[in-house]
Protein backbone atom coordinates (compact mmCIF):
# COMPACT_ATOMS: atom_id res chain seq x y z
CA MET A 1 16.83 23.43 12.78
CA LYS A 2 14.27 21.64 10.73
CA ASN A 3 14.99 17.89 12.00
CA GLN A 4 14.75 19.67 15.82
CA LEU A 5 11.39 20.83 14.40
CA ILE A 6 10.24 17.42 13.33
CA CYS A 7 11.45 15.65 16.88
CA LEU A 8 9.08 18.64 18.16
CA LEU A 9 6.29 17.59 16.02
CA LEU A 10 6.85 13.82 16.61
CA LEU A 11 6.22 14.72 20.97
CA VAL A 12 3.24 16.56 20.40
CA SER A 13 1.87 14.36 17.90
CA GLY A 14 2.22 11.59 20.60
CA TYR A 15 0.76 13.74 23.48
CA PHE A 16 -2.20 14.85 21.85
CA PHE A 17 -3.35 11.82 21.05
CA SER A 18 -6.41 10.67 22.66
CA GLN A 19 -5.88 7.44 24.62
CA THR A 20 -9.94 7.19 24.39
CA ILE A 21 -11.32 6.16 20.54
CA PRO A 22 -13.98 8.55 19.78
CA THR A 23 -16.03 6.14 18.25
CA GLU A 24 -19.43 8.16 18.32
CA LYS A 25 -17.69 10.82 16.09
CA LEU A 26 -16.10 8.21 13.73
CA ASP A 27 -19.47 6.18 13.72
CA ASN A 28 -21.32 9.28 12.66
CA TYR A 29 -18.67 10.09 9.88
CA PHE A 30 -19.32 7.19 8.25
CA SER A 31 -22.67 7.22 8.75
CA TYR A 32 -22.69 10.57 6.69
CA ILE A 33 -20.67 8.82 4.14
CA GLU A 34 -23.07 5.61 3.69
CA ASN A 35 -26.16 7.42 3.99
CA ASN A 36 -24.95 10.04 1.11
CA ASN A 37 -23.65 7.11 -0.73
CA LEU A 38 -20.28 8.88 -0.68
CA GLY A 39 -18.12 5.66 -0.53
CA VAL A 40 -18.04 1.65 -0.09
CA GLY A 41 -15.34 0.02 2.05
CA SER A 42 -13.59 -1.07 5.57
CA LEU A 43 -11.88 0.23 8.09
CA SER A 44 -9.40 -0.75 10.88
CA VAL A 45 -7.64 0.90 13.67
CA PHE A 46 -5.00 -0.45 15.92
CA LYS A 47 -4.18 0.81 19.27
CA ASN A 48 -0.80 -0.85 21.13
CA GLY A 49 -1.22 -3.75 18.75
CA LYS A 50 -4.99 -4.27 18.97
CA GLU A 51 -7.94 -3.69 17.33
CA VAL A 52 -9.73 -0.87 19.01
CA TYR A 53 -12.48 0.19 16.06
CA ALA A 54 -13.89 -1.49 12.84
CA LYS A 55 -16.32 -0.33 10.61
CA ASN A 56 -17.93 -1.36 7.15
CA PHE A 57 -19.55 1.02 5.49
CA GLY A 58 -21.55 1.47 2.19
CA GLN A 59 -22.39 -1.98 1.41
CA LYS A 60 -26.25 -1.70 2.44
CA ASN A 61 -26.22 0.62 -0.72
CA ILE A 62 -25.53 -2.17 -3.18
CA PRO A 63 -28.14 -4.50 -3.08
CA GLU A 64 -26.52 -7.72 -4.93
CA LEU A 65 -23.38 -7.48 -2.77
CA ILE A 66 -22.71 -10.50 -0.85
CA TYR A 67 -19.81 -10.57 1.42
CA ASP A 68 -18.72 -11.46 5.12
CA GLN A 69 -16.29 -10.68 7.50
CA ASN A 70 -13.82 -12.25 5.54
CA THR A 71 -14.28 -11.03 2.26
CA ARG A 72 -11.13 -9.41 0.97
CA TYR A 73 -10.29 -6.28 -1.12
CA GLN A 74 -7.65 -5.44 -3.86
CA VAL A 75 -4.78 -3.22 -2.18
CA GLY A 76 -2.65 -2.21 -5.01
CA SER A 77 0.80 -0.88 -3.81
CA VAL A 78 0.03 -1.84 -0.54
CA THR A 79 1.69 -5.18 -2.32
CA LYS A 80 4.94 -2.99 -2.37
CA MET A 81 5.57 -2.94 1.06
CA MET A 82 5.76 -6.34 1.90
CA THR A 83 7.97 -7.35 -1.23
CA ALA A 84 10.50 -4.39 0.18
CA VAL A 85 9.95 -6.77 3.29
CA LEU A 86 10.92 -9.81 1.66
CA ILE A 87 13.96 -7.97 -0.09
CA LEU A 88 15.03 -6.84 3.18
CA LYS A 89 14.82 -10.30 4.62
CA LEU A 90 17.30 -11.51 2.07
CA ILE A 91 19.69 -8.68 2.73
CA GLU A 92 19.36 -9.74 7.01
CA GLU A 93 20.43 -13.44 5.41
CA ASN A 94 23.37 -11.96 4.03
CA LYS A 95 21.75 -13.36 0.75
CA LEU A 96 21.55 -10.10 -0.93
CA HIS A 97 22.82 -6.63 -0.45
CA LEU A 98 21.23 -2.90 -1.41
CA ASN A 99 24.52 -2.17 -3.37
CA ASP A 100 24.12 -5.25 -5.57
CA LYS A 101 23.96 -4.05 -9.48
CA LEU A 102 21.00 -4.85 -11.39
CA SER A 103 23.30 -5.86 -13.95
CA ALA A 104 23.84 -9.11 -11.68
CA PHE A 105 20.09 -10.38 -12.64
CA TYR A 106 19.03 -8.84 -15.79
CA PRO A 107 22.21 -7.13 -17.35
CA GLU A 108 19.54 -6.46 -20.61
CA ILE A 109 17.85 -3.69 -18.10
CA PRO A 110 19.62 -0.08 -19.21
CA ASN A 111 21.66 1.19 -16.72
CA SER A 112 21.59 -1.80 -15.42
CA ASN A 113 25.62 -1.70 -14.37
CA THR A 114 24.69 1.65 -11.86
CA ILE A 115 21.23 0.69 -10.76
CA VAL A 116 21.43 -0.78 -7.47
CA ILE A 117 19.31 -2.81 -5.48
CA LYS A 118 18.41 0.39 -3.31
CA ASN A 119 17.60 2.32 -6.17
CA LEU A 120 14.81 -0.16 -7.12
CA LEU A 121 13.35 0.00 -3.48
CA GLU A 122 13.56 3.89 -3.32
CA HIS A 123 12.24 4.66 -6.60
CA THR A 124 15.54 6.25 -7.84
CA SER A 125 16.32 3.92 -10.44
CA GLY A 126 15.20 6.09 -13.36
CA LEU A 127 13.28 3.51 -15.12
CA GLY A 128 9.79 3.92 -16.03
CA SER A 129 6.21 2.49 -15.13
CA TYR A 130 5.70 -0.52 -17.03
CA VAL A 131 1.59 -0.58 -16.24
CA VAL A 132 1.41 2.36 -18.38
CA LYS A 133 1.83 2.09 -22.46
CA GLU A 134 1.23 4.94 -24.62
CA GLY A 135 -0.47 7.13 -21.80
CA GLU A 136 -2.95 4.47 -20.43
CA VAL A 137 -2.95 1.20 -18.32
CA TRP A 138 -2.72 -1.74 -20.53
CA VAL A 139 -2.16 -4.60 -18.02
CA THR A 140 -5.92 -5.34 -18.00
CA GLY A 141 -5.55 -8.40 -20.49
CA LYS A 142 -3.25 -11.32 -20.44
CA ALA A 143 0.37 -10.62 -20.88
CA SER A 144 3.62 -12.43 -20.38
CA ASP A 145 6.93 -12.00 -18.48
CA ARG A 146 8.59 -11.37 -21.81
CA GLU A 147 6.07 -8.83 -23.23
CA ILE A 148 6.71 -6.94 -19.96
CA MET A 149 10.40 -7.11 -19.49
CA ASP A 150 10.17 -5.58 -23.29
CA LEU A 151 8.29 -2.85 -22.37
CA ILE A 152 10.46 -2.15 -19.51
CA ILE A 153 13.87 -1.93 -21.94
CA GLN A 154 11.77 -0.19 -24.27
CA GLN A 155 10.72 2.69 -21.78
CA GLY A 156 14.40 2.88 -20.98
CA LYS A 157 15.90 5.27 -18.21
CA SER A 158 14.47 9.03 -17.51
CA PHE A 159 17.25 10.19 -15.21
CA GLU A 160 20.62 8.31 -14.03
CA PRO A 161 20.31 6.34 -10.99
CA GLY A 162 19.87 8.27 -7.29
CA GLU A 163 19.31 11.81 -9.93
CA LYS A 164 15.88 11.85 -8.38
CA VAL A 165 12.95 10.19 -7.23
CA ALA A 166 10.08 9.03 -9.42
CA TYR A 167 7.40 6.26 -8.73
CA SER A 168 8.41 3.19 -10.63
CA ASN A 169 6.41 0.25 -10.92
CA SER A 170 9.24 -0.99 -12.85
CA ALA A 171 11.64 -1.53 -10.14
CA TYR A 172 9.21 -3.46 -8.15
CA TYR A 173 8.28 -5.48 -11.09
CA LEU A 174 12.46 -6.46 -11.32
CA LEU A 175 12.63 -6.85 -7.23
CA THR A 176 9.96 -9.70 -7.32
CA LYS A 177 11.70 -11.40 -10.33
CA ILE A 178 14.80 -11.23 -7.90
CA LEU A 179 13.08 -12.47 -5.14
CA GLU A 180 11.74 -15.45 -7.54
CA LYS A 181 15.31 -16.06 -8.70
CA LYS A 182 17.03 -15.99 -5.21
CA HIS A 183 14.12 -18.18 -3.23
CA GLN A 184 13.64 -20.23 -6.51
CA LYS A 185 9.82 -20.12 -6.15
CA PRO A 186 7.01 -17.92 -7.61
CA PHE A 187 6.09 -14.90 -5.38
CA HIS A 188 2.98 -16.20 -4.08
CA GLU A 189 4.92 -19.13 -2.25
CA ILE A 190 7.56 -16.69 -1.09
CA LEU A 191 4.91 -14.24 0.36
CA TYR A 192 2.83 -16.88 2.10
CA SER A 193 6.08 -18.65 3.53
CA GLU A 194 7.77 -15.50 4.82
CA ILE A 195 4.71 -13.55 5.72
CA ILE A 196 1.50 -15.02 5.64
CA LYS A 197 2.39 -18.26 7.68
CA PRO A 198 4.32 -16.96 10.38
CA LEU A 199 1.65 -14.45 10.87
CA ASN A 200 -1.19 -16.71 10.21
CA LEU A 201 -2.81 -13.80 8.02
CA LYS A 202 -5.63 -15.89 6.78
CA ASN A 203 -7.21 -12.83 5.41
CA LEU A 204 -4.31 -11.76 3.10
CA ALA A 205 -3.19 -13.39 -0.03
CA SER A 206 -1.62 -13.29 -3.48
CA PHE A 207 -2.97 -13.29 -6.19
CA VAL A 208 -4.98 -16.72 -7.84
CA PRO A 209 -6.89 -17.11 -11.08
CA ASP A 210 -10.66 -17.24 -10.13
CA GLN A 211 -10.39 -16.51 -6.31
CA LYS A 212 -12.48 -16.36 -4.06
CA ASN A 213 -14.53 -14.05 -1.33
CA VAL A 214 -12.76 -11.13 -3.19
CA PHE A 215 -14.92 -7.62 -3.48
CA LEU A 216 -15.01 -6.44 -6.76
CA PRO A 217 -14.76 -3.15 -7.99
CA TYR A 218 -17.58 -0.44 -8.14
CA ARG A 219 -18.16 3.24 -9.86
CA PHE A 220 -20.86 5.59 -8.91
CA GLU A 221 -22.82 6.33 -12.00
CA LYS A 222 -26.05 9.16 -11.88
CA ASP A 223 -27.34 7.35 -8.49
CA SER A 224 -26.34 3.88 -7.98
CA TRP A 225 -23.04 1.64 -7.68
CA LYS A 226 -21.95 -0.27 -11.40
CA ILE A 227 -19.35 -2.59 -11.18
CA ILE A 228 -16.24 -1.84 -13.26
CA ASP A 229 -16.26 -4.25 -15.82
CA LYS A 230 -12.34 -3.42 -16.67
CA GLU A 231 -9.52 -4.28 -13.97
CA ILE A 232 -6.37 -5.13 -14.12
CA ASP A 233 -4.93 -8.73 -14.58
CA PHE A 234 -3.19 -9.14 -11.28
CA LEU A 235 -1.38 -11.89 -12.79
CA ASN A 236 0.64 -8.61 -14.65
CA VAL A 237 1.34 -7.42 -11.21
CA MET A 238 2.65 -9.86 -9.01
CA GLY A 239 4.60 -8.17 -6.38
CA VAL A 240 3.74 -4.98 -7.69
CA GLY A 241 -0.30 -4.86 -6.72
CA ASP A 242 -1.32 -7.88 -6.97
CA ILE A 243 -2.03 -8.72 -2.94
CA SER A 244 -5.84 -9.06 -1.84
CA ALA A 245 -6.41 -8.43 2.64
CA THR A 246 -8.88 -7.45 5.40
CA PRO A 247 -7.88 -4.36 6.65
CA TYR A 248 -7.60 -6.04 10.07
CA ALA A 249 -4.79 -8.15 8.48
CA LEU A 250 -3.31 -5.20 6.90
CA ASN A 251 -3.15 -4.16 10.41
CA ILE A 252 -1.64 -7.45 11.79
CA PHE A 253 1.43 -7.08 9.32
CA ILE A 254 1.82 -3.52 9.75
CA ASN A 255 2.43 -3.43 13.60
CA ASN A 256 4.14 -6.93 13.55
CA LEU A 257 6.66 -4.38 11.36
CA PHE A 258 6.69 -1.89 13.44
CA HIS A 259 7.14 -4.17 16.58
CA ASN A 260 10.27 -5.70 14.87
CA LYS A 261 8.38 -8.73 14.62
CA ILE A 262 9.32 -9.40 11.03
CA LEU A 263 12.71 -7.61 10.13
CA LYS A 264 15.16 -6.53 12.74
CA LYS A 265 15.21 -2.61 13.86
CA GLU A 266 18.07 -2.05 11.81
CA SER A 267 16.41 -3.42 8.54
CA LEU A 268 13.26 -1.40 9.52
CA LYS A 269 15.32 1.64 9.58
CA LEU A 270 16.63 1.12 6.62
CA MET A 271 12.99 0.91 4.79
CA GLU A 272 11.75 4.07 6.63
CA PRO A 273 12.31 7.81 4.40
CA VAL A 274 14.66 9.83 6.54
CA LEU A 275 12.60 12.65 8.24
CA GLY A 276 12.80 16.16 6.73
CA LYS A 277 14.92 14.76 3.61
CA GLU A 278 12.74 11.75 2.00
CA ASP A 279 9.08 11.48 1.59
CA TRP A 280 9.88 7.64 -0.05
CA GLY A 281 11.98 5.48 2.05
CA ARG A 282 12.75 2.09 0.78
CA GLY A 283 9.17 0.73 0.76
CA ILE A 284 7.60 2.89 2.93
CA ALA A 285 6.35 6.40 2.52
CA ILE A 286 5.51 9.06 4.76
CA TRP A 287 2.21 10.88 5.26
CA ASP A 288 1.87 13.70 7.50
CA PHE A 289 -1.48 14.92 8.87
CA ASP A 290 -1.25 18.12 10.68
CA HIS A 291 2.32 17.41 11.62
CA HIS A 292 1.18 13.76 13.18
CA ILE A 293 3.65 11.40 10.93
CA PHE A 294 2.68 8.10 9.75
CA TYR A 295 4.48 5.44 7.67
CA GLY A 296 3.18 3.22 5.44
CA HIS A 297 2.45 2.65 1.89
CA GLY A 298 -0.68 3.58 -0.34
CA GLY A 299 -2.19 1.23 -3.27
CA ASP A 300 -4.38 2.00 -6.18
CA THR A 301 -6.13 -0.30 -8.86
CA LEU A 302 -8.43 0.80 -11.51
CA GLY A 303 -11.29 0.05 -8.76
CA SER A 304 -9.84 -0.36 -5.41
CA HIS A 305 -7.83 1.70 -3.05
CA ALA A 306 -6.04 1.35 0.40
CA LEU A 307 -3.86 3.08 2.67
CA LEU A 308 -2.38 1.45 4.95
CA ILE A 309 -0.29 3.86 7.70
CA TYR A 310 1.63 3.48 11.06
CA ASN A 311 1.74 6.24 14.38
CA LYS A 312 5.27 5.48 16.23
CA GLU A 313 4.26 7.77 18.93
CA ALA A 314 0.76 6.57 19.71
CA ASP A 315 1.35 3.16 18.05
CA LEU A 316 -1.59 3.62 16.12
CA SER A 317 -2.37 1.93 12.71
CA VAL A 318 -5.20 2.47 10.17
CA ALA A 319 -6.11 0.44 7.69
CA TYR A 320 -8.26 1.59 5.24
CA VAL A 321 -9.42 -0.59 1.84
CA THR A 322 -12.56 0.56 -0.74
CA ASN A 323 -13.87 -1.13 -3.78
CA GLY A 324 -16.19 2.07 -4.01
CA GLU A 325 -14.31 5.22 -3.86
CA ARG A 326 -15.56 9.04 -4.30
CA ILE A 327 -13.37 10.63 -1.96
CA LYS A 328 -9.92 10.96 -2.55
CA LYS A 329 -8.21 8.31 -0.17
CA GLU A 330 -6.10 10.47 1.34
CA ASP A 331 -8.87 12.86 2.43
CA PHE A 332 -10.82 10.63 3.81
CA ILE A 333 -8.00 9.14 5.87
CA LYS A 334 -6.90 12.90 6.87
CA ASN A 335 -10.77 12.65 8.65
CA VAL A 336 -10.25 9.76 10.28
CA SER A 337 -6.84 11.15 11.49
CA ASP A 338 -8.17 14.57 12.70
CA LEU A 339 -10.97 12.67 14.46
CA LEU A 340 -8.73 10.10 16.22
CA TYR A 341 -6.62 13.44 17.20
CA ASN A 342 -9.59 14.98 18.74
CA LYS A 343 -9.58 17.89 15.37
CA GLU A 344 -13.23 18.82 14.63
CA ILE A 345 -13.68 18.11 10.48
CA LYS A 346 -15.71 19.31 8.09
CA LEU A 347 -17.58 17.00 6.18
CA PRO A 348 -17.59 16.07 2.75
CA GLU A 349 -19.37 18.18 0.14
CA ILE A 350 -22.16 16.27 -1.34
CA LYS A 351 -21.90 16.83 -5.14
CA GLY A 352 -24.63 16.18 -8.04
CA LYS A 353 -25.42 12.98 -9.31
CA GLU A 354 -22.34 12.23 -11.66
C-alpha cells in the first residue's frame, strides 16, 4: 500500500510541474534574499537537460568580492556522489564488486572482514566520521594519511555492518583510497579522466593547493559579511568533500548521470535509495519536498553549502551553492521547489542583527 501511494505521488509530481518556469516569482524570491542580506550564492535549474533558469544573488553585498561566471564554490559532500559513481564504474568493468570485503584492501580496519563495498557506499558500515575528533572538526590543518587512518581505527565500530544507517565520512575516505589503489593514480586524476574530461566540465575540479577562482566562505556578523578564517583543509577530505564547481557544471553532471550517459541504467538503479524503504542509497539520497521526490546529494563545509537534486518525472534538476548561508539549504530549496511547482511560499523571516 505504501509503495502504491509513492507511485501515485510520483505521477502527481510530474503532472503538476509547470512547463513554464515562473521566472518572475523566482526573481522576486532572490531579490528578497539579496535585498535583506539573507544569503550569498548561485542557483541553476535544468529542464530536459538544458538550463532554463540561473541566478547569482547576494554578491553585491560584499564590496570586496571579485568573481565571474566561472568562479566555483566548494560543494562539500556532493563530492561523495561522484566518488560513488567512480566506484560503480569499476563495478561495471568487473574490477570491483559490491560484496568485496574491506579486508582485501585495509585489513587493519575494525570489522573489515564483514564490511563490504556496499556497506561503505550506503553508510551501513558502522564506521565513524573521521573529520570530527573529540566533538570538533579537526581537519582544518595539515594531516597525514597515517593520522587519518589511525583515527578511523581508533574510532572503531558503533554497530555491525547492515544493522542500521549512520552517515560515515570514514567510509568514503576508504572508498577513495580503494579507487586510488585500483586505478594506481590519485583521486583528482581519476575524477578528471572518468568524469571531468568526458563531460567537458571546465568548471568542476578536485582540490589543489593554491586553487584559483574559488569563492571564499563568509559569515554574517552584526550587519555585514566577514570572511571565515577557519575552513577545512580540503587535502584531508579528497573524495569525501573536496570538489569545487559552479551550479551549471553540477547540473551537467547530474543530468548526464540520470540520462545514463555516465553509468548504465542498472548501475544507477543500484545507487538509488529504494522508495518507501530507504532515505540513503549507495551514494544518492532522497529529498521529498511536499511529495515531489528528488534524488541527489547535499554538502557542507565550515562555510560553504550545496544541494544537487534531480526529479525524474519532470526531468528537472536544481543545483544550489552558497558561500554565505543564513537560511538552511534544505529550507532555501524547498521554497525554490514550491515556486517551480506553482505553490505559494512564505518568504523567510528577517531576523534581528546577529
